[in-house]
PDB file of N, CA and C in Angstrom:
ATOM      1  N   ASP A   1      98.662  31.548 112.178  1.00  0.00           N
ATOM      2  CA  ASP A   1     100.197  31.882 112.801  1.00  0.00           C
ATOM      3  C   ASP A   1     100.868  32.513 111.301  1.00  0.00           C
ATOM      4  N   VAL A   2     101.880  33.284 111.536  1.00  0.00           N
ATOM      5  CA  VAL A   2     102.140  34.065 110.073  1.00  0.00           C
ATOM      6  C   VAL A   2     103.511  32.828 109.727  1.00  0.00           C
ATOM      7  N   GLY A   3     103.453  32.551 108.469  1.00  0.00           N
ATOM      8  CA  GLY A   3     104.403  31.607 107.941  1.00  0.00           C
ATOM      9  C   GLY A   3     104.125  29.752 108.227  1.00  0.00           C
ATOM     10  N   TYR A   4     102.806  29.855 108.730  1.00  0.00           N
ATOM     11  CA  TYR A   4     102.556  28.327 108.977  1.00  0.00           C
ATOM     12  C   TYR A   4     102.345  27.755 107.940  1.00  0.00           C
ATOM     13  N   GLY A   5     103.102  26.894 107.408  1.00  0.00           N
ATOM     14  CA  GLY A   5     102.544  26.116 106.060  1.00  0.00           C
ATOM     15  C   GLY A   5     103.239  26.812 105.113  1.00  0.00           C
ATOM     16  N   SER A   6     103.928  27.660 105.257  1.00  0.00           N
ATOM     17  CA  SER A   6     104.547  28.333 104.114  1.00  0.00           C
ATOM     18  C   SER A   6     105.776  27.115 103.460  1.00  0.00           C
ATOM     19  N   SER A   7     106.334  26.395 103.907  1.00  0.00           N
ATOM     20  CA  SER A   7     106.995  25.385 103.353  1.00  0.00           C
ATOM     21  C   SER A   7     106.493  23.714 103.124  1.00  0.00           C
ATOM     22  N   SER A   8     104.955  24.079 102.871  1.00  0.00           N
ATOM     23  CA  SER A   8     104.531  22.600 102.839  1.00  0.00           C
ATOM     24  C   SER A   8     104.188  22.453 101.326  1.00  0.00           C
ATOM     25  N   ILE A   9     104.125  21.094 101.174  1.00  0.00           N
ATOM     26  CA  ILE A   9     103.947  20.700  99.788  1.00  0.00           C
ATOM     27  C   ILE A   9     102.382  20.043  99.591  1.00  0.00           C
ATOM     28  N   LYS A  10     101.909  20.469  98.730  1.00  0.00           N
ATOM     29  CA  LYS A  10     100.259  19.993  98.685  1.00  0.00           C
ATOM     30  C   LYS A  10     100.170  19.570  97.179  1.00  0.00           C
ATOM     31  N   VAL A  11      99.700  18.394  97.485  1.00  0.00           N
ATOM     32  CA  VAL A  11      99.248  17.480  96.365  1.00  0.00           C
ATOM     33  C   VAL A  11      97.987  17.944  95.808  1.00  0.00           C
ATOM     34  N   GLU A  12      98.119  18.070  94.599  1.00  0.00           N
ATOM     35  CA  GLU A  12      96.883  18.827  94.133  1.00  0.00           C
ATOM     36  C   GLU A  12      95.566  17.500  93.940  1.00  0.00           C
ATOM     37  N   SER A  13      96.259  16.086  93.311  1.00  0.00           N
ATOM     38  CA  SER A  13      95.397  14.864  93.485  1.00  0.00           C
ATOM     39  C   SER A  13      96.040  13.844  92.977  1.00  0.00           C
ATOM     40  N   GLY A  14      95.406  12.605  93.431  1.00  0.00           N
ATOM     41  CA  GLY A  14      96.087  11.437  93.276  1.00  0.00           C
ATOM     42  C   GLY A  14      96.873  11.030  94.508  1.00  0.00           C
ATOM     43  N   ASP A  15      97.652   9.967  94.322  1.00  0.00           N
ATOM     44  CA  ASP A  15      98.104   9.257  95.708  1.00  0.00           C
ATOM     45  C   ASP A  15      99.460   9.564  95.700  1.00  0.00           C
ATOM     46  N   SER A  16     100.156  10.536  94.933  1.00  0.00           N
ATOM     47  CA  SER A  16     101.647  10.510  94.742  1.00  0.00           C
ATOM     48  C   SER A  16     102.177  10.863  96.089  1.00  0.00           C
ATOM     49  N   THR A  17     103.519  10.336  96.359  1.00  0.00           N
ATOM     50  CA  THR A  17     104.518  10.748  97.474  1.00  0.00           C
ATOM     51  C   THR A  17     105.503  11.204  97.004  1.00  0.00           C
ATOM     52  N   ILE A  18     106.210  11.832  98.012  1.00  0.00           N
ATOM     53  CA  ILE A  18     107.235  12.325  97.770  1.00  0.00           C
ATOM     54  C   ILE A  18     108.403  11.622  98.870  1.00  0.00           C
ATOM     55  N   LYS A  19     109.613  10.833  98.616  1.00  0.00           N
ATOM     56  CA  LYS A  19     110.305  10.168  99.712  1.00  0.00           C
ATOM     57  C   LYS A  19     111.361  11.398 100.175  1.00  0.00           C
ATOM     58  N   ILE A  20     111.578  11.611 101.167  1.00  0.00           N
ATOM     59  CA  ILE A  20     112.818  12.700 101.508  1.00  0.00           C
ATOM     60  C   ILE A  20     113.707  11.816 102.387  1.00  0.00           C
ATOM     61  N   PRO A  21     114.881  11.642 101.726  1.00  0.00           N
ATOM     62  CA  PRO A  21     115.785  11.034 102.816  1.00  0.00           C
ATOM     63  C   PRO A  21     116.114  11.717 104.302  1.00  0.00           C
ATOM     64  N   THR A  22     116.353  10.960 105.330  1.00  0.00           N
ATOM     65  CA  THR A  22     116.374  11.662 106.576  1.00  0.00           C
ATOM     66  C   THR A  22     117.703  11.075 107.204  1.00  0.00           C
ATOM     67  N   THR A  23     118.350  11.737 108.193  1.00  0.00           N
ATOM     68  CA  THR A  23     119.359  11.405 108.938  1.00  0.00           C
ATOM     69  C   THR A  23     119.355  11.950 110.375  1.00  0.00           C
ATOM     70  N   THR A  24     119.798  11.403 111.262  1.00  0.00           N
ATOM     71  CA  THR A  24     120.238  12.130 112.577  1.00  0.00           C
ATOM     72  C   THR A  24     121.281  12.996 112.980  1.00  0.00           C
ATOM     73  N   VAL A  25     121.235  13.998 113.820  1.00  0.00           N
ATOM     74  CA  VAL A  25     122.330  14.933 114.351  1.00  0.00           C
ATOM     75  C   VAL A  25     123.319  13.840 114.831  1.00  0.00           C
ATOM     76  N   ASP A  26     123.211  13.191 115.319  1.00  0.00           N
ATOM     77  CA  ASP A  26     124.298  11.992 115.832  1.00  0.00           C
ATOM     78  C   ASP A  26     125.023  11.506 114.776  1.00  0.00           C
ATOM     79  N   ARG A  27     124.460  10.700 113.461  1.00  0.00           N
ATOM     80  CA  ARG A  27     125.015  10.339 112.368  1.00  0.00           C
ATOM     81  C   ARG A  27     125.823  11.608 111.638  1.00  0.00           C
ATOM     82  N   LEU A  28     125.345  12.723 111.511  1.00  0.00           N
ATOM     83  CA  LEU A  28     126.215  13.935 111.142  1.00  0.00           C
ATOM     84  C   LEU A  28     127.305  14.078 111.578  1.00  0.00           C
ATOM     85  N   VAL A  29     127.368  14.058 112.896  1.00  0.00           N
ATOM     86  CA  VAL A  29     128.772  14.573 113.635  1.00  0.00           C
ATOM     87  C   VAL A  29     129.564  13.210 113.352  1.00  0.00           C
ATOM     88  N   ALA A  30     128.967  12.235 113.560  1.00  0.00           N
ATOM     89  CA  ALA A  30     129.894  10.815 113.646  1.00  0.00           C
ATOM     90  C   ALA A  30     130.566  10.815 112.349  1.00  0.00           C
ATOM     91  N   ASN A  31     129.724  11.035 111.094  1.00  0.00           N
ATOM     92  CA  ASN A  31     130.492  10.968 110.011  1.00  0.00           C
ATOM     93  C   ASN A  31     131.119  12.450 109.370  1.00  0.00           C
ATOM     94  N   GLY A  32     131.217  13.036 110.169  1.00  0.00           N
ATOM     95  CA  GLY A  32     132.057  14.281 109.807  1.00  0.00           C
ATOM     96  C   GLY A  32     131.594  15.394 109.017  1.00  0.00           C
ATOM     97  N   VAL A  33     130.157  15.429 108.674  1.00  0.00           N
ATOM     98  CA  VAL A  33     129.699  16.405 107.991  1.00  0.00           C
ATOM     99  C   VAL A  33     129.374  17.501 108.683  1.00  0.00           C
ATOM    100  N   CYS A  34     129.325  17.747 110.091  1.00  0.00           N
ATOM    101  CA  CYS A  34     129.353  18.732 110.706  1.00  0.00           C
ATOM    102  C   CYS A  34     130.010  18.483 111.813  1.00  0.00           C
ATOM    103  N   PRO A  35     130.606  19.656 112.662  1.00  0.00           N
ATOM    104  CA  PRO A  35     131.114  19.604 114.110  1.00  0.00           C
ATOM    105  C   PRO A  35     129.724  19.425 115.240  1.00  0.00           C
ATOM    106  N   PRO A  36     130.408  19.068 116.432  1.00  0.00           N
ATOM    107  CA  PRO A  36     129.409  18.655 117.535  1.00  0.00           C
ATOM    108  C   PRO A  36     128.872  20.078 117.698  1.00  0.00           C
ATOM    109  N   PRO A  37     127.685  20.296 117.759  1.00  0.00           N
ATOM    110  CA  PRO A  37     127.141  21.750 118.535  1.00  0.00           C
ATOM    111  C   PRO A  37     127.540  21.868 119.729  1.00  0.00           C
ATOM    112  N   ASN A  38     127.622  23.115 120.374  1.00  0.00           N
ATOM    113  CA  ASN A  38     127.600  23.820 121.721  1.00  0.00           C
ATOM    114  C   ASN A  38     126.358  24.216 122.042  1.00  0.00           C
ATOM    115  N   VAL A  39     125.583  24.864 121.127  1.00  0.00           N
ATOM    116  CA  VAL A  39     124.192  25.540 121.439  1.00  0.00           C
ATOM    117  C   VAL A  39     122.976  24.589 120.255  1.00  0.00           C
ATOM    118  N   VAL A  40     121.878  24.257 120.507  1.00  0.00           N
ATOM    119  CA  VAL A  40     121.039  23.691 119.519  1.00  0.00           C
ATOM    120  C   VAL A  40     119.819  24.408 119.680  1.00  0.00           C
ATOM    121  N   LYS A  41     118.860  24.517 118.676  1.00  0.00           N
ATOM    122  CA  LYS A  41     117.544  25.204 118.795  1.00  0.00           C
ATOM    123  C   LYS A  41     116.839  24.109 117.979  1.00  0.00           C
ATOM    124  N   ILE A  42     115.751  23.710 118.861  1.00  0.00           N
ATOM    125  CA  ILE A  42     114.788  22.686 118.124  1.00  0.00           C
ATOM    126  C   ILE A  42     113.415  23.281 117.885  1.00  0.00           C
ATOM    127  N   ASP A  43     112.984  23.435 116.504  1.00  0.00           N
ATOM    128  CA  ASP A  43     111.343  23.813 116.118  1.00  0.00           C
ATOM    129  C   ASP A  43     111.016  23.144 115.194  1.00  0.00           C
ATOM    130  N   VAL A  44     110.263  21.855 115.408  1.00  0.00           N
ATOM    131  CA  VAL A  44     109.944  21.084 114.414  1.00  0.00           C
ATOM    132  C   VAL A  44     108.865  20.889 114.342  1.00  0.00           C
ATOM    133  N   GLU A  45     107.626  21.510 114.746  1.00  0.00           N
ATOM    134  CA  GLU A  45     106.248  21.393 114.722  1.00  0.00           C
ATOM    135  C   GLU A  45     105.806  20.163 115.322  1.00  0.00           C
ATOM    136  N   GLY A  46     106.064  19.703 116.292  1.00  0.00           N
ATOM    137  CA  GLY A  46     105.661  18.575 117.099  1.00  0.00           C
ATOM    138  C   GLY A  46     106.575  17.255 116.989  1.00  0.00           C
ATOM    139  N   ALA A  47     107.481  17.357 116.340  1.00  0.00           N
ATOM    140  CA  ALA A  47     108.554  16.278 116.209  1.00  0.00           C
ATOM    141  C   ALA A  47     109.786  16.239 116.864  1.00  0.00           C
ATOM    142  N   GLU A  48     109.637  16.934 118.083  1.00  0.00           N
ATOM    143  CA  GLU A  48     110.523  17.490 119.134  1.00  0.00           C
ATOM    144  C   GLU A  48     111.093  16.051 119.468  1.00  0.00           C
ATOM    145  N   PRO A  49     110.411  15.049 119.934  1.00  0.00           N
ATOM    146  CA  PRO A  49     110.698  13.751 120.472  1.00  0.00           C
ATOM    147  C   PRO A  49     111.705  12.764 119.508  1.00  0.00           C
ATOM    148  N   LEU A  50     111.238  13.217 118.075  1.00  0.00           N
ATOM    149  CA  LEU A  50     112.377  12.170 117.086  1.00  0.00           C
ATOM    150  C   LEU A  50     113.804  13.164 116.915  1.00  0.00           C
ATOM    151  N   VAL A  51     113.614  14.346 117.006  1.00  0.00           N
ATOM    152  CA  VAL A  51     115.024  15.113 116.974  1.00  0.00           C
ATOM    153  C   VAL A  51     115.814  14.873 118.375  1.00  0.00           C
ATOM    154  N   ILE A  52     115.273  14.674 119.356  1.00  0.00           N
ATOM    155  CA  ILE A  52     116.039  14.588 120.330  1.00  0.00           C
ATOM    156  C   ILE A  52     116.474  13.382 120.742  1.00  0.00           C
ATOM    157  N   GLU A  53     115.951  12.009 119.982  1.00  0.00           N
ATOM    158  CA  GLU A  53     116.150  10.685 120.340  1.00  0.00           C
ATOM    159  C   GLU A  53     117.099  10.617 118.867  1.00  0.00           C
ATOM    160  N   GLY A  54     117.274  11.455 118.003  1.00  0.00           N
ATOM    161  CA  GLY A  54     118.507  11.255 116.945  1.00  0.00           C
ATOM    162  C   GLY A  54     119.772  12.185 117.387  1.00  0.00           C
ATOM    163  N   MET A  55     119.686  12.781 118.465  1.00  0.00           N
ATOM    164  CA  MET A  55     121.120  13.554 118.583  1.00  0.00           C
ATOM    165  C   MET A  55     121.058  13.256 120.494  1.00  0.00           C
ATOM    166  N   GLU A  56     120.972  11.880 120.661  1.00  0.00           N
ATOM    167  CA  GLU A  56     121.020  11.482 122.295  1.00  0.00           C
ATOM    168  C   GLU A  56     122.778  11.806 122.567  1.00  0.00           C
ATOM    169  N   LYS A  57     123.398  11.048 121.444  1.00  0.00           N
ATOM    170  CA  LYS A  57     125.052  11.393 121.886  1.00  0.00           C
ATOM    171  C   LYS A  57     125.568  12.692 121.937  1.00  0.00           C
ATOM    172  N   ILE A  58     124.893  13.534 121.005  1.00  0.00           N
ATOM    173  CA  ILE A  58     125.301  14.857 121.142  1.00  0.00           C
ATOM    174  C   ILE A  58     124.792  15.559 122.289  1.00  0.00           C
ATOM    175  N   LEU A  59     123.585  15.120 122.679  1.00  0.00           N
ATOM    176  CA  LEU A  59     123.179  15.851 123.905  1.00  0.00           C
ATOM    177  C   LEU A  59     123.791  15.557 125.296  1.00  0.00           C
ATOM    178  N   SER A  60     124.235  14.447 125.218  1.00  0.00           N
ATOM    179  CA  SER A  60     124.797  13.752 126.537  1.00  0.00           C
ATOM    180  C   SER A  60     126.329  14.296 126.415  1.00  0.00           C
ATOM    181  N   ALA A  61     126.778  14.772 125.400  1.00  0.00           N
ATOM    182  CA  ALA A  61     128.147  15.235 125.624  1.00  0.00           C
ATOM    183  C   ALA A  61     128.431  16.632 126.237  1.00  0.00           C
ATOM    184  N   SER A  62     129.356  16.509 126.994  1.00  0.00           N
ATOM    185  CA  SER A  62     129.644  17.880 127.675  1.00  0.00           C
ATOM    186  C   SER A  62     129.570  19.183 127.152  1.00  0.00           C
ATOM    187  N   ASN A  63     130.178  19.313 125.900  1.00  0.00           N
ATOM    188  CA  ASN A  63     130.295  20.432 124.880  1.00  0.00           C
ATOM    189  C   ASN A  63     129.174  20.982 124.648  1.00  0.00           C
ATOM    190  N   CYS A  64     127.960  20.116 124.607  1.00  0.00           N
ATOM    191  CA  CYS A  64     126.758  20.694 124.247  1.00  0.00           C
ATOM    192  C   CYS A  64     126.050  21.481 125.718  1.00  0.00           C
ATOM    193  N   ARG A  65     126.030  22.734 125.569  1.00  0.00           N
ATOM    194  CA  ARG A  65     125.765  23.482 126.663  1.00  0.00           C
ATOM    195  C   ARG A  65     124.246  24.261 126.732  1.00  0.00           C
ATOM    196  N   VAL A  66     123.838  24.108 125.835  1.00  0.00           N
ATOM    197  CA  VAL A  66     122.573  24.822 125.573  1.00  0.00           C
ATOM    198  C   VAL A  66     121.640  24.287 124.686  1.00  0.00           C
ATOM    199  N   VAL A  67     120.413  24.214 124.821  1.00  0.00           N
ATOM    200  CA  VAL A  67     119.246  23.809 123.938  1.00  0.00           C
ATOM    201  C   VAL A  67     118.128  24.336 124.208  1.00  0.00           C
ATOM    202  N   PHE A  68     117.682  25.326 123.277  1.00  0.00           N
ATOM    203  CA  PHE A  68     116.428  25.827 122.785  1.00  0.00           C
ATOM    204  C   PHE A  68     115.242  25.004 122.286  1.00  0.00           C
ATOM    205  N   CYS A  69     114.486  24.681 123.039  1.00  0.00           N
ATOM    206  CA  CYS A  69     113.278  23.673 122.351  1.00  0.00           C
ATOM    207  C   CYS A  69     111.844  24.375 122.498  1.00  0.00           C
ATOM    208  N   GLU A  70     111.227  24.457 121.188  1.00  0.00           N
ATOM    209  CA  GLU A  70     109.908  24.881 121.096  1.00  0.00           C
ATOM    210  C   GLU A  70     108.930  23.858 121.146  1.00  0.00           C
ATOM    211  N   ILE A  71     108.272  23.656 121.901  1.00  0.00           N
ATOM    212  CA  ILE A  71     107.464  22.568 122.459  1.00  0.00           C
ATOM    213  C   ILE A  71     105.944  22.664 121.781  1.00  0.00           C
ATOM    214  N   HIS A  72     105.316  22.018 120.653  1.00  0.00           N
ATOM    215  CA  HIS A  72     104.225  22.381 120.447  1.00  0.00           C
ATOM    216  C   HIS A  72     103.018  21.520 121.089  1.00  0.00           C
ATOM    217  N   LEU A  73     101.965  22.042 121.533  1.00  0.00           N
ATOM    218  CA  LEU A  73     100.986  21.347 122.244  1.00  0.00           C
ATOM    219  C   LEU A  73     100.023  20.696 121.850  1.00  0.00           C
ATOM    220  N   SER A  74      99.256  19.987 122.315  1.00  0.00           N
ATOM    221  CA  SER A  74      97.870  19.531 121.422  1.00  0.00           C
ATOM    222  C   SER A  74      96.956  20.470 121.721  1.00  0.00           C
ATOM    223  N   GLY A  75      95.845  20.311 120.699  1.00  0.00           N
ATOM    224  CA  GLY A  75      94.760  21.035 120.670  1.00  0.00           C
ATOM    225  C   GLY A  75      94.613  22.080 119.622  1.00  0.00           C
ATOM    226  N   VAL A  76      95.806  22.031 118.623  1.00  0.00           N
ATOM    227  CA  VAL A  76      95.653  23.024 117.738  1.00  0.00           C
ATOM    228  C   VAL A  76      95.389  22.277 116.378  1.00  0.00           C
ATOM    229  N   ASP A  77      94.391  22.346 115.724  1.00  0.00           N
ATOM    230  CA  ASP A  77      94.032  21.611 114.667  1.00  0.00           C
ATOM    231  C   ASP A  77      94.928  21.479 113.519  1.00  0.00           C
ATOM    232  N   ARG A  78      95.803  22.666 113.301  1.00  0.00           N
ATOM    233  CA  ARG A  78      96.252  23.016 112.006  1.00  0.00           C
ATOM    234  C   ARG A  78      98.001  22.551 112.026  1.00  0.00           C
ATOM    235  N   ARG A  79      98.302  21.640 113.141  1.00  0.00           N
ATOM    236  CA  ARG A  79      99.590  21.566 113.167  1.00  0.00           C
ATOM    237  C   ARG A  79      99.485  20.475 114.177  1.00  0.00           C
ATOM    238  N   PRO A  80     100.816  19.543 113.926  1.00  0.00           N
ATOM    239  CA  PRO A  80     101.102  18.376 115.113  1.00  0.00           C
ATOM    240  C   PRO A  80     101.575  18.743 116.241  1.00  0.00           C
ATOM    241  N   SER A  81     101.666  18.190 117.240  1.00  0.00           N
ATOM    242  CA  SER A  81     101.921  18.581 118.674  1.00  0.00           C
ATOM    243  C   SER A  81     102.855  17.198 119.025  1.00  0.00           C
ATOM    244  N   VAL A  82     103.399  17.450 120.229  1.00  0.00           N
ATOM    245  CA  VAL A  82     104.282  16.340 120.695  1.00  0.00           C
ATOM    246  C   VAL A  82     103.574  14.865 121.190  1.00  0.00           C
ATOM    247  N   ASP A  83     102.319  15.443 121.301  1.00  0.00           N
ATOM    248  CA  ASP A  83     101.583  14.016 121.617  1.00  0.00           C
ATOM    249  C   ASP A  83     101.369  13.454 120.404  1.00  0.00           C
ATOM    250  N   ASP A  84     100.986  13.974 119.092  1.00  0.00           N
ATOM    251  CA  ASP A  84     101.333  13.045 117.931  1.00  0.00           C
ATOM    252  C   ASP A  84     102.546  12.231 117.633  1.00  0.00           C
ATOM    253  N   PHE A  85     103.313  12.763 118.053  1.00  0.00           N
ATOM    254  CA  PHE A  85     104.819  11.688 118.090  1.00  0.00           C
ATOM    255  C   PHE A  85     104.989  10.851 119.533  1.00  0.00           C
ATOM    256  N   GLY A  86     103.898  10.684 120.263  1.00  0.00           N
ATOM    257  CA  GLY A  86     104.068   9.838 121.299  1.00  0.00           C
ATOM    258  C   GLY A  86     104.595  10.158 122.551  1.00  0.00           C
ATOM    259  N   SER A  87     104.813  11.556 122.566  1.00  0.00           N
ATOM    260  CA  SER A  87     105.406  12.053 123.902  1.00  0.00           C
ATOM    261  C   SER A  87     104.460  13.069 124.496  1.00  0.00           C
ATOM    262  N   SER A  88     105.034  13.960 125.362  1.00  0.00           N
ATOM    263  CA  SER A  88     104.263  15.145 126.198  1.00  0.00           C
ATOM    264  C   SER A  88     105.669  16.095 126.735  1.00  0.00           C
ATOM    265  N   PRO A  89     105.174  17.165 126.884  1.00  0.00           N
ATOM    266  CA  PRO A  89     105.939  18.383 127.408  1.00  0.00           C
ATOM    267  C   PRO A  89     107.127  17.830 128.398  1.00  0.00           C
ATOM    268  N   ASP A  90     106.357  17.112 129.530  1.00  0.00           N
ATOM    269  CA  ASP A  90     106.973  16.603 130.789  1.00  0.00           C
ATOM    270  C   ASP A  90     107.989  15.513 130.379  1.00  0.00           C
ATOM    271  N   GLU A  91     107.631  14.859 129.383  1.00  0.00           N
ATOM    272  CA  GLU A  91     108.843  13.600 128.813  1.00  0.00           C
ATOM    273  C   GLU A  91     109.984  14.446 128.305  1.00  0.00           C
ATOM    274  N   LEU A  92     109.494  15.198 127.176  1.00  0.00           N
ATOM    275  CA  LEU A  92     110.953  16.079 126.859  1.00  0.00           C
ATOM    276  C   LEU A  92     111.715  16.825 127.718  1.00  0.00           C
ATOM    277  N   ILE A  93     111.185  17.395 128.760  1.00  0.00           N
ATOM    278  CA  ILE A  93     111.857  17.854 130.019  1.00  0.00           C
ATOM    279  C   ILE A  93     112.585  16.937 130.637  1.00  0.00           C
ATOM    280  N   SER A  94     111.983  15.855 130.870  1.00  0.00           N
ATOM    281  CA  SER A  94     112.524  14.832 131.702  1.00  0.00           C
ATOM    282  C   SER A  94     113.810  14.005 131.006  1.00  0.00           C
ATOM    283  N   LYS A  95     113.860  14.206 129.878  1.00  0.00           N
ATOM    284  CA  LYS A  95     114.905  13.496 128.784  1.00  0.00           C
ATOM    285  C   LYS A  95     115.858  14.356 128.750  1.00  0.00           C
ATOM    286  N   LEU A  96     115.704  15.651 128.741  1.00  0.00           N
ATOM    287  CA  LEU A  96     116.681  16.749 128.796  1.00  0.00           C
ATOM    288  C   LEU A  96     117.409  16.574 130.160  1.00  0.00           C
ATOM    289  N   GLU A  97     116.677  16.659 131.028  1.00  0.00           N
ATOM    290  CA  GLU A  97     117.264  16.566 132.577  1.00  0.00           C
ATOM    291  C   GLU A  97     118.036  15.490 132.781  1.00  0.00           C
ATOM    292  N   CYS A  98     117.664  14.145 132.231  1.00  0.00           N
ATOM    293  CA  CYS A  98     118.402  12.989 132.355  1.00  0.00           C
ATOM    294  C   CYS A  98     119.750  13.182 131.450  1.00  0.00           C
ATOM    295  N   PHE A  99     119.916  14.102 130.389  1.00  0.00           N
ATOM    296  CA  PHE A  99     121.242  14.291 129.773  1.00  0.00           C
ATOM    297  C   PHE A  99     121.846  15.238 130.680  1.00  0.00           C
ATOM    298  N   GLY A 100     121.480  15.640 131.825  1.00  0.00           N
ATOM    299  CA  GLY A 100     122.385  16.322 132.669  1.00  0.00           C
ATOM    300  C   GLY A 100     122.045  17.876 132.315  1.00  0.00           C
ATOM    301  N   TYR A 101     121.128  18.445 131.867  1.00  0.00           N
ATOM    302  CA  TYR A 101     120.403  19.747 131.477  1.00  0.00           C
ATOM    303  C   TYR A 101     119.779  20.279 132.940  1.00  0.00           C
ATOM    304  N   THR A 102     119.725  21.678 133.125  1.00  0.00           N
ATOM    305  CA  THR A 102     118.748  22.152 134.059  1.00  0.00           C
ATOM    306  C   THR A 102     117.760  22.768 132.956  1.00  0.00           C
ATOM    307  N   THR A 103     116.537  22.873 133.284  1.00  0.00           N
ATOM    308  CA  THR A 103     115.488  22.953 132.407  1.00  0.00           C
ATOM    309  C   THR A 103     114.770  24.362 133.083  1.00  0.00           C
ATOM    310  N   GLU A 104     114.274  25.288 132.304  1.00  0.00           N
ATOM    311  CA  GLU A 104     113.408  26.296 132.331  1.00  0.00           C
ATOM    312  C   GLU A 104     112.653  26.566 131.288  1.00  0.00           C
ATOM    313  N   LYS A 105     111.208  27.089 131.652  1.00  0.00           N
ATOM    314  CA  LYS A 105     110.212  27.503 130.584  1.00  0.00           C
ATOM    315  C   LYS A 105     110.718  28.833 130.472  1.00  0.00           C
ATOM    316  N   ILE A 106     110.509  29.302 129.422  1.00  0.00           N
ATOM    317  CA  ILE A 106     111.080  30.796 128.908  1.00  0.00           C
ATOM    318  C   ILE A 106     109.716  31.264 128.134  1.00  0.00           C
ATOM    319  N   GLY A 107     109.766  32.642 127.590  1.00  0.00           N
ATOM    320  CA  GLY A 107     108.635  33.008 127.099  1.00  0.00           C
ATOM    321  C   GLY A 107     108.048  32.518 125.938  1.00  0.00           C
ATOM    322  N   THR A 108     106.836  32.502 125.954  1.00  0.00           N
ATOM    323  CA  THR A 108     106.215  31.900 124.834  1.00  0.00           C
ATOM    324  C   THR A 108     105.469  32.888 123.989  1.00  0.00           C
ATOM    325  N   SER A 109     105.180  32.664 122.733  1.00  0.00           N
ATOM    326  CA  SER A 109     104.312  33.696 122.011  1.00  0.00           C
ATOM    327  C   SER A 109     102.850  33.052 121.677  1.00  0.00           C
ATOM    328  N   SER A 110     102.498  32.067 122.229  1.00  0.00           N
ATOM    329  CA  SER A 110     101.020  31.476 122.428  1.00  0.00           C
ATOM    330  C   SER A 110     100.823  30.417 123.084  1.00  0.00           C
ATOM    331  N   GLU A 111      99.583  30.157 123.314  1.00  0.00           N
ATOM    332  CA  GLU A 111      99.026  28.957 124.404  1.00  0.00           C
ATOM    333  C   GLU A 111      99.121  27.708 123.457  1.00  0.00           C
ATOM    334  N   SER A 112      99.802  27.744 122.351  1.00  0.00           N
ATOM    335  CA  SER A 112      99.831  26.365 121.635  1.00  0.00           C
ATOM    336  C   SER A 112     101.218  25.699 121.824  1.00  0.00           C
ATOM    337  N   GLU A 113     102.050  26.585 122.232  1.00  0.00           N
ATOM    338  CA  GLU A 113     103.653  26.168 122.177  1.00  0.00           C
ATOM    339  C   GLU A 113     104.269  26.563 123.630  1.00  0.00           C
ATOM    340  N   ILE A 114     105.190  25.908 124.213  1.00  0.00           N
ATOM    341  CA  ILE A 114     105.890  26.786 125.410  1.00  0.00           C
ATOM    342  C   ILE A 114     107.449  26.334 124.894  1.00  0.00           C
ATOM    343  N   THR A 115     108.223  27.103 125.244  1.00  0.00           N
ATOM    344  CA  THR A 115     109.782  27.175 124.854  1.00  0.00           C
ATOM    345  C   THR A 115     110.704  26.848 126.217  1.00  0.00           C
ATOM    346  N   ILE A 116     111.472  25.753 125.975  1.00  0.00           N
ATOM    347  CA  ILE A 116     112.424  25.393 127.121  1.00  0.00           C
ATOM    348  C   ILE A 116     113.797  25.746 126.844  1.00  0.00           C
ATOM    349  N   LYS A 117     114.538  26.461 127.836  1.00  0.00           N
ATOM    350  CA  LYS A 117     115.659  26.542 127.665  1.00  0.00           C
ATOM    351  C   LYS A 117     116.476  25.573 128.905  1.00  0.00           C
ATOM    352  N   ALA A 118     117.460  24.668 128.145  1.00  0.00           N
ATOM    353  CA  ALA A 118     118.236  23.868 128.968  1.00  0.00           C
ATOM    354  C   ALA A 118     119.457  24.064 128.916  1.00  0.00           C
ATOM    355  N   THR A 119     120.030  24.264 130.261  1.00  0.00           N
ATOM    356  CA  THR A 119     121.662  24.496 130.274  1.00  0.00           C
ATOM    357  C   THR A 119     122.449  23.598 130.875  1.00  0.00           C
ATOM    358  N   LYS A 120     123.720  23.197 130.701  1.00  0.00           N
ATOM    359  CA  LYS A 120     124.291  22.453 131.548  1.00  0.00           C
ATOM    360  C   LYS A 120     125.637  23.367 132.171  1.00  0.00           C
TER     361      LYS A 120
END
């Protein structure tokens, strides 16, 4: 895939790690760091379940109207999938529908991913 791994960090040798602080979209909005979004695009190489979990309040809000989510499927050796994060495409779609979205699969660029458009 073009661009795959272009933002990765490779450790040449040793057991060193780099700790990166993370937060959730719900916390960013609650703390006033950013306004609540009305359109969301999720493309996180298999970690879609974590992103959706971290923005449940935002996704439940009526002003968040559209979500585009690229769901990475299992069977590709060079990158993680939703399965690696304890979920499945059907579970993600069901979760979005529980938040009040109508979902549809839209065009995809390969057999290793699907793209979902969820609208309220």
